[in-house]
């Protein structure tokens, strides 16, 4: 009876799950996963990392994400979303502790590998939690708002770098503690489905077009997430305090990407995807062209932050449209594609940066984002296709 009461209360107040769900995304994505790129200048100083080595470590963390996302979508499909949630929070916490204690490059790499995996299980777990906890008419907006937690985490990380740039070990230890706390909070606010409500597996053939789009977009987005702050610090000669503040701009703009659910309803998936990919490409080029201009970098990072979160939000909607009965698994498959693209992109762009320059690598990244745009659906989709609509 108590469980029924919690469910009823949470359905009446979607924010009861949205806020802790957003917090889980913030720590698993914005801090534990993308924190490696944020702290890359400090890691290079402490461990003497080359761009190629940094790209390889980032790629390994993306691979870990894919493995965890696969496990998470299988758990969610078998009505074990709670286990997927704790897989997310637990790996983010353990990996963050390893980074905080790292005494060598191999230990740092293992820590980044484990920490980066947490986000993979977070997405299917929270898509499943929202689908079974929030009332149907509010699910589309709730999914997009939870997904925008990446921006909130990036803001927090940027503020830490801005205020205490050299305290990266205590910062990563703090990420571990927060990961456990917010996971427990989200678990308490979720209504997990019974075994009878388990959702079917997601057939890949239904996701071919969005999967191609996700891989290409992920490869293009790897430049800013992995090498963006380093580009501003080295090529742009901007001080740490400035780049930390600019990283906050990226994260703050990412919160705007939480409106992607409304964007899909208004213009359809095709134009939502095209506009988001185009803005991300333009922002990547602008940052490469003027990394030493705070105003230009702020504009570029704001555009990229909003576009990246919107891209991931559109992928959730796209998967929900293609497979409305298996939305959590579809989201996991597409996010695996997005992250696999980032892994390949980190390796490719790191090699380009070693062979030519970081700016050249950003040009390649922009081209990949533009290549992702035509993969969008050929026709606008009806609002009923948005995630959370279970009436079809």
Protein backbone atom coordinates (compact mmCIF):
# COMPACT_ATOMS: atom_id res chain seq x y z
CA UNK A 1 0.00 0.00 0.00
CA UNK A 2 2.89 2.38 0.79
CA UNK A 3 4.39 1.77 -2.64
CA UNK A 4 1.06 2.57 -4.31
CA UNK A 5 0.84 5.83 -2.34
CA UNK A 6 4.34 6.90 -3.38
CA UNK A 7 3.53 6.15 -7.00
CA UNK A 8 0.35 8.18 -6.89
CA UNK A 9 2.09 11.12 -5.21
CA UNK A 10 5.00 11.07 -7.66
CA UNK A 11 2.68 10.91 -10.67
CA UNK A 12 0.89 14.02 -9.40
CA UNK A 13 4.26 15.83 -9.04
CA UNK A 14 6.61 14.88 -11.89
CA UNK A 15 9.34 17.08 -10.36
CA UNK A 16 9.58 14.59 -7.49
CA UNK A 17 11.49 12.29 -9.86
CA UNK A 18 12.73 14.85 -12.41
CA UNK A 19 14.95 16.70 -9.93
CA UNK A 20 16.80 13.64 -8.51
CA UNK A 21 16.89 12.09 -12.00
CA UNK A 22 18.48 15.26 -13.35
CA UNK A 23 21.00 15.09 -10.49
CA UNK A 24 21.98 11.52 -11.42
CA UNK A 25 22.58 12.57 -15.04
CA UNK A 26 24.52 15.60 -13.80
CA UNK A 27 27.01 13.54 -11.81
CA UNK A 28 27.28 10.52 -14.13
CA UNK A 29 27.52 12.50 -17.37
CA UNK A 30 28.58 16.07 -16.55
CA UNK A 31 31.14 15.14 -13.89
CA UNK A 32 32.25 11.48 -13.92
CA UNK A 33 32.15 11.10 -17.71
CA UNK A 34 32.98 14.52 -19.16
CA UNK A 35 35.14 15.55 -16.22
CA UNK A 36 38.15 13.94 -17.92
CA UNK A 37 38.08 16.53 -20.70
CA UNK A 38 37.46 19.33 -18.21
CA UNK A 39 40.50 18.38 -16.12
CA UNK A 40 42.68 17.37 -19.07
CA UNK A 41 45.08 20.35 -18.65
CA UNK A 42 45.66 19.32 -15.01
CA UNK A 43 46.09 15.66 -15.98
CA UNK A 44 48.58 16.58 -18.68
CA UNK A 45 50.60 18.57 -16.16
CA UNK A 46 50.47 15.84 -13.52
CA UNK A 47 51.05 12.83 -15.78
CA UNK A 48 52.60 14.24 -18.98
CA UNK A 49 49.81 13.02 -21.28
CA UNK A 50 50.12 13.55 -25.05
CA UNK A 51 47.00 14.37 -27.12
CA UNK A 52 47.07 10.83 -28.53
CA UNK A 53 47.21 9.25 -25.06
CA UNK A 54 44.44 11.54 -23.82
CA UNK A 55 42.31 10.58 -26.80
CA UNK A 56 42.92 6.89 -26.13
CA UNK A 57 41.89 7.24 -22.48
CA UNK A 58 38.75 9.14 -23.49
CA UNK A 59 37.96 6.47 -26.08
CA UNK A 60 38.35 3.74 -23.45
CA UNK A 61 35.90 5.54 -21.15
CA UNK A 62 33.43 5.73 -24.04
CA UNK A 63 33.84 2.00 -24.63
CA UNK A 64 33.07 1.40 -20.96
CA UNK A 65 29.95 3.53 -21.39
CA UNK A 66 28.81 1.31 -24.27
CA UNK A 67 29.28 -1.85 -22.20
CA UNK A 68 27.34 -0.38 -19.27
CA UNK A 69 24.59 0.94 -21.56
CA UNK A 70 24.16 -2.54 -23.03
CA UNK A 71 23.90 -4.00 -19.53
CA UNK A 72 21.55 -1.21 -18.47
CA UNK A 73 19.17 -1.66 -21.38
CA UNK A 74 18.99 -5.40 -20.76
CA UNK A 75 18.25 -4.81 -17.08
CA UNK A 76 15.60 -2.21 -17.90
CA UNK A 77 14.06 -4.56 -20.44
CA UNK A 78 13.74 -7.20 -17.74
CA UNK A 79 12.12 -4.83 -15.25
CA UNK A 80 15.35 -4.41 -13.29
CA UNK A 81 15.71 -0.69 -13.75
CA UNK A 82 16.65 -0.26 -10.10
CA UNK A 83 19.72 -2.45 -10.60
CA UNK A 84 20.62 -0.43 -13.69
CA UNK A 85 20.37 2.78 -11.66
CA UNK A 86 22.73 1.48 -9.00
CA UNK A 87 25.08 0.12 -11.65
CA UNK A 88 25.26 3.71 -12.92
CA UNK A 89 25.81 5.35 -9.56
CA UNK A 90 28.16 2.68 -8.25
CA UNK A 91 30.52 2.67 -11.22
CA UNK A 92 30.57 6.47 -11.36
CA UNK A 93 31.51 6.55 -7.67
CA UNK A 94 34.17 3.82 -7.90
CA UNK A 95 35.78 5.28 -11.00
CA UNK A 96 35.84 8.77 -9.51
CA UNK A 97 37.61 7.45 -6.43
CA UNK A 98 40.25 5.79 -8.61
CA UNK A 99 40.84 9.05 -10.50
CA UNK A 100 41.13 10.92 -7.20
CA UNK A 101 43.77 8.45 -5.98
CA UNK A 102 45.60 7.99 -9.32
CA UNK A 103 49.40 7.81 -8.98
CA UNK A 104 50.20 6.80 -12.57
CA UNK A 105 48.79 6.98 -16.09
CA UNK A 106 47.47 3.36 -16.02
CA UNK A 107 45.56 4.02 -12.77
CA UNK A 108 44.16 7.27 -14.19
CA UNK A 109 43.09 5.40 -17.32
CA UNK A 110 41.34 2.68 -15.31
CA UNK A 111 39.59 5.31 -13.19
CA UNK A 112 38.38 7.20 -16.26
CA UNK A 113 37.29 3.89 -17.81
CA UNK A 114 35.15 2.92 -14.82
CA UNK A 115 33.84 6.44 -14.12
CA UNK A 116 32.84 6.90 -17.75
CA UNK A 117 30.78 3.72 -17.70
CA UNK A 118 28.30 4.99 -15.10
CA UNK A 119 26.44 7.25 -17.50
CA UNK A 120 25.79 4.31 -19.82
CA UNK A 121 23.47 2.59 -17.39
CA UNK A 122 21.95 5.86 -16.15
CA UNK A 123 20.04 6.65 -19.34
CA UNK A 124 18.02 3.40 -19.72
CA UNK A 125 17.44 3.28 -15.95
CA UNK A 126 16.00 6.79 -15.84
CA UNK A 127 14.02 6.45 -19.07
CA UNK A 128 12.41 3.37 -17.49
CA UNK A 129 11.87 5.19 -14.19
CA UNK A 130 10.20 8.17 -15.85
CA UNK A 131 8.04 5.92 -18.05
CA UNK A 132 6.69 4.02 -15.05
CA UNK A 133 6.57 6.85 -12.50
CA UNK A 134 5.51 10.06 -14.26
CA UNK A 135 2.01 10.40 -15.70
CA UNK A 136 1.90 9.88 -19.51
CA UNK A 137 1.06 13.46 -20.51
CA UNK A 138 4.13 14.79 -18.65
CA UNK A 139 6.65 12.14 -19.69
CA UNK A 140 7.99 13.81 -22.85
CA UNK A 141 9.00 16.97 -21.00
CA UNK A 142 10.22 14.98 -17.99
CA UNK A 143 12.53 12.83 -20.16
CA UNK A 144 14.05 15.92 -21.80
CA UNK A 145 14.51 17.73 -18.48
CA UNK A 146 16.21 14.73 -16.85
CA UNK A 147 18.47 14.42 -19.88
CA UNK A 148 19.53 18.09 -19.53
CA UNK A 149 21.27 17.21 -16.26
CA UNK A 150 24.49 16.91 -18.28
CA UNK A 151 24.56 20.70 -18.47
CA UNK A 152 24.07 21.11 -14.73
CA UNK A 153 26.98 18.75 -14.03
CA UNK A 154 29.22 20.60 -16.47
CA UNK A 155 28.39 23.89 -14.71
CA UNK A 156 29.37 22.43 -11.35
CA UNK A 157 32.60 21.06 -12.80
CA UNK A 158 33.40 24.38 -14.42
CA UNK A 159 32.84 26.24 -11.16
CA UNK A 160 35.18 23.85 -9.36
CA UNK A 161 37.92 24.44 -11.93
CA UNK A 162 37.26 28.16 -11.73
CA UNK A 163 37.53 28.38 -7.94
CA UNK A 164 40.04 25.63 -7.09
CA UNK A 165 41.75 24.66 -10.38
CA UNK A 166 44.49 22.55 -8.77
CA UNK A 167 42.28 20.62 -6.35
CA UNK A 168 41.34 17.93 -8.84
CA UNK A 169 41.85 15.04 -6.41
CA UNK A 170 39.38 16.35 -3.78
CA UNK A 171 36.98 17.25 -6.60
CA UNK A 172 36.90 13.71 -7.97
CA UNK A 173 36.52 12.28 -4.47
CA UNK A 174 33.53 14.59 -4.07
CA UNK A 175 32.06 13.29 -7.33
CA UNK A 176 32.10 9.80 -5.82
CA UNK A 177 30.22 10.85 -2.69
CA UNK A 178 27.61 12.81 -4.65
CA UNK A 179 27.08 9.90 -7.05
CA UNK A 180 26.03 7.61 -4.21
CA UNK A 181 23.76 10.23 -2.59
CA UNK A 182 21.82 11.24 -5.70
CA UNK A 183 21.43 7.62 -6.81
CA UNK A 184 19.79 6.79 -3.50
CA UNK A 185 17.56 9.87 -3.87
CA UNK A 186 16.41 8.90 -7.38
CA UNK A 187 15.82 5.31 -6.29
CA UNK A 188 13.59 6.47 -3.47
CA UNK A 189 11.52 8.64 -5.81
CA UNK A 190 11.05 6.01 -8.52
CA UNK A 191 8.27 3.50 -8.93
CA UNK A 192 9.90 0.45 -10.49
CA UNK A 193 7.73 -1.81 -12.67
CA UNK A 194 6.95 -5.38 -11.68
CA UNK A 195 8.29 -8.27 -13.75
CA UNK A 196 4.99 -8.48 -15.64
CA UNK A 197 5.61 -4.94 -16.97
CA UNK A 198 8.96 -5.82 -18.51
CA UNK A 199 9.45 -4.30 -21.96
CA UNK A 200 10.56 -6.23 -25.07
CA UNK A 201 14.03 -6.09 -26.59
CA UNK A 202 14.67 -3.34 -29.13
CA UNK A 203 15.07 -4.73 -32.69
CA UNK A 204 18.08 -2.97 -34.23
CA UNK A 205 16.57 -2.91 -37.73
CA UNK A 206 14.01 -0.36 -36.54
CA UNK A 207 16.80 1.92 -35.33
CA UNK A 208 19.14 1.83 -38.33
CA UNK A 209 18.66 5.45 -39.45
CA UNK A 210 18.86 7.09 -36.00
CA UNK A 211 21.79 4.80 -35.10
CA UNK A 212 23.83 6.05 -38.07
CA UNK A 213 22.98 9.62 -37.12
CA UNK A 214 24.00 8.99 -33.51
CA UNK A 215 27.40 7.49 -34.43
CA UNK A 216 28.34 10.36 -36.76
CA UNK A 217 27.17 13.02 -34.32
CA UNK A 218 29.04 11.38 -31.46
CA UNK A 219 32.27 11.33 -33.45
CA UNK A 220 31.92 15.01 -34.23
CA UNK A 221 31.06 16.01 -30.66
CA UNK A 222 34.17 14.27 -29.27
CA UNK A 223 36.35 17.26 -30.20
CA UNK A 224 34.82 19.76 -27.80
CA UNK A 225 34.28 17.32 -24.95
CA UNK A 226 37.81 15.87 -25.09
CA UNK A 227 39.98 18.70 -26.39
CA UNK A 228 37.87 21.85 -26.05
CA UNK A 229 39.36 23.21 -22.87
CA UNK A 230 42.87 22.25 -23.92
CA UNK A 231 42.38 24.12 -27.24
CA UNK A 232 41.42 27.29 -25.38
CA UNK A 233 44.28 26.88 -22.89
CA UNK A 234 47.09 26.01 -25.34
CA UNK A 235 46.18 27.40 -28.78
CA UNK A 236 44.08 30.23 -27.36
CA UNK A 237 46.40 31.02 -24.43
CA UNK A 238 43.41 31.68 -22.17
CA UNK A 239 44.01 31.40 -18.40
CA UNK A 240 42.52 28.58 -16.35
CA UNK A 241 40.02 30.87 -14.66
CA UNK A 242 38.67 32.02 -18.01
CA UNK A 243 38.38 28.53 -19.46
CA UNK A 244 36.69 27.34 -16.26
CA UNK A 245 34.11 30.11 -16.60
CA UNK A 246 33.63 29.29 -20.27
CA UNK A 247 33.03 25.65 -19.35
CA UNK A 248 30.24 26.87 -17.09
CA UNK A 249 28.74 28.64 -20.10
CA UNK A 250 28.76 25.33 -21.98
CA UNK A 251 27.00 23.58 -19.13
CA UNK A 252 24.49 26.36 -18.53
CA UNK A 253 23.54 26.37 -22.20
CA UNK A 254 23.14 22.61 -21.97
CA UNK A 255 20.20 23.17 -19.66
CA UNK A 256 18.47 24.90 -22.57
CA UNK A 257 18.73 21.58 -24.39
CA UNK A 258 16.18 20.34 -21.87
CA UNK A 259 13.60 22.05 -24.07
CA UNK A 260 14.26 19.49 -26.82
CA UNK A 261 11.05 17.67 -25.92
CA UNK A 262 9.04 20.81 -26.73
CA UNK A 263 11.16 21.42 -29.86
CA UNK A 264 10.33 17.97 -31.25
CA UNK A 265 6.64 18.55 -30.61
CA UNK A 266 6.73 21.89 -32.43
CA UNK A 267 8.90 21.22 -35.49
CA UNK A 268 9.20 17.41 -35.67
CA UNK A 269 12.23 15.17 -35.32
CA UNK A 270 13.69 16.00 -38.75
CA UNK A 271 14.09 19.73 -38.18
CA UNK A 272 14.98 19.31 -34.51
CA UNK A 273 17.87 17.01 -35.53
CA UNK A 274 19.00 19.12 -38.50
CA UNK A 275 19.10 22.35 -36.51
CA UNK A 276 20.87 20.76 -33.53
CA UNK A 277 23.56 19.10 -35.69
CA UNK A 278 24.07 22.28 -37.70
CA UNK A 279 24.49 24.44 -34.61
CA UNK A 280 26.95 21.95 -33.07
CA UNK A 281 29.03 21.97 -36.29
CA UNK A 282 29.06 25.77 -36.49
CA UNK A 283 30.02 26.05 -32.82
CA UNK A 284 32.89 23.58 -33.27
CA UNK A 285 34.25 25.58 -36.22
CA UNK A 286 33.92 28.88 -34.35
CA UNK A 287 35.86 27.55 -31.37
CA UNK A 288 38.61 26.24 -33.68
CA UNK A 289 38.84 29.59 -35.47
CA UNK A 290 38.93 31.86 -32.41
CA UNK A 291 39.99 29.84 -29.33
CA UNK A 292 41.73 32.87 -27.81
CA UNK A 293 38.69 35.17 -27.93
CA UNK A 294 36.60 34.85 -24.75
CA UNK A 295 33.51 36.28 -26.47
CA UNK A 296 33.77 33.95 -29.48
CA UNK A 297 34.55 30.96 -27.27
CA UNK A 298 31.57 31.74 -25.05
CA UNK A 299 29.27 31.92 -28.07
CA UNK A 300 30.71 28.69 -29.46
CA UNK A 301 30.44 26.77 -26.20
CA UNK A 302 26.93 28.06 -25.53
CA UNK A 303 25.83 26.88 -28.97
CA UNK A 304 27.56 23.54 -28.58
CA UNK A 305 26.21 22.90 -25.07
CA UNK A 306 22.61 23.56 -26.07
CA UNK A 307 22.97 21.62 -29.33
CA UNK A 308 24.60 18.55 -27.76
CA UNK A 309 21.95 18.11 -25.08
CA UNK A 310 19.26 18.74 -27.71
CA UNK A 311 20.82 16.07 -29.96
CA UNK A 312 20.72 13.50 -27.17
CA UNK A 313 17.17 14.53 -26.27
CA UNK A 314 16.06 14.14 -29.88
CA UNK A 315 17.61 10.66 -29.92
CA UNK A 316 15.44 9.69 -26.94
CA UNK A 317 12.38 10.98 -28.81
CA UNK A 318 13.48 9.26 -32.03
CA UNK A 319 13.89 5.92 -30.31
CA UNK A 320 10.54 6.35 -28.58
CA UNK A 321 8.89 7.00 -31.94
CA UNK A 322 10.46 3.99 -33.64
CA UNK A 323 9.86 1.62 -30.69
CA UNK A 324 7.23 3.09 -28.35
CA UNK A 325 6.88 -0.21 -26.49
CA UNK A 326 10.63 -0.43 -25.78
CA UNK A 327 11.65 3.19 -25.22
CA UNK A 328 14.32 2.53 -22.53
CA UNK A 329 16.07 -0.09 -24.66
CA UNK A 330 15.83 2.07 -27.78
CA UNK A 331 17.34 5.02 -25.91
CA UNK A 332 20.17 2.81 -24.67
CA UNK A 333 20.94 1.50 -28.17
CA UNK A 334 21.05 5.02 -29.63
CA UNK A 335 23.16 6.34 -26.77
CA UNK A 336 25.54 3.42 -27.30
CA UNK A 337 25.78 4.57 -30.91
CA UNK A 338 26.38 8.17 -29.83
CA UNK A 339 29.11 7.09 -27.43
CA UNK A 340 30.71 4.59 -29.81
CA UNK A 341 30.97 7.52 -32.19
CA UNK A 342 32.62 9.58 -29.48
CA UNK A 343 35.11 6.78 -28.81
CA UNK A 344 36.08 6.56 -32.48
CA UNK A 345 36.07 10.33 -32.71
CA UNK A 346 38.37 10.73 -29.70
CA UNK A 347 40.89 8.32 -31.23
CA UNK A 348 40.63 9.79 -34.72
CA UNK A 349 40.74 13.42 -33.61
CA UNK A 350 43.58 12.74 -31.17
CA UNK A 351 45.60 11.23 -34.03
CA UNK A 352 44.79 14.21 -36.27
CA UNK A 353 45.83 16.59 -33.50
CA UNK A 354 49.15 14.73 -33.10
CA UNK A 355 49.81 14.66 -36.85
CA UNK A 356 48.58 18.16 -37.74
CA UNK A 357 47.01 20.38 -35.09
CA UNK A 358 44.10 20.49 -32.67
CA UNK A 359 42.42 23.12 -34.84
CA UNK A 360 42.56 20.77 -37.82
CA UNK A 361 40.98 18.05 -35.69
CA UNK A 362 38.10 20.43 -34.89
CA UNK A 363 37.56 21.01 -38.61
CA UNK A 364 37.26 17.25 -39.12
CA UNK A 365 34.82 17.10 -36.20
CA UNK A 366 32.59 19.77 -37.74
CA UNK A 367 32.52 17.82 -41.02
CA UNK A 368 31.38 14.70 -39.15
CA UNK A 369 28.54 16.64 -37.52
CA UNK A 370 27.41 17.96 -40.89
CA UNK A 371 27.51 14.41 -42.25
CA UNK A 372 25.15 13.35 -39.44
CA UNK A 373 22.46 15.87 -40.38
CA UNK A 374 21.08 14.15 -43.53
CA UNK A 375 20.38 10.97 -41.55
CA UNK A 376 17.32 12.68 -40.05
CA UNK A 377 13.86 11.34 -40.89
CA UNK A 378 12.65 12.47 -44.32
CA UNK A 379 9.35 13.71 -42.99
CA UNK A 380 8.22 15.50 -39.86
CA UNK A 381 6.77 13.23 -37.23
CA UNK A 382 3.56 13.78 -35.38
CA UNK A 383 3.56 14.99 -31.76
CA UNK A 384 2.17 11.61 -30.76
CA UNK A 385 5.57 10.15 -31.50
CA UNK A 386 7.18 11.94 -28.61
CA UNK A 387 8.43 9.77 -25.77
CA UNK A 388 5.98 9.28 -22.99
CA UNK A 389 2.95 9.00 -25.23
CA UNK A 390 1.73 5.46 -24.64
CA UNK A 391 -1.70 5.95 -26.24
CA UNK A 392 -0.70 4.50 -29.63
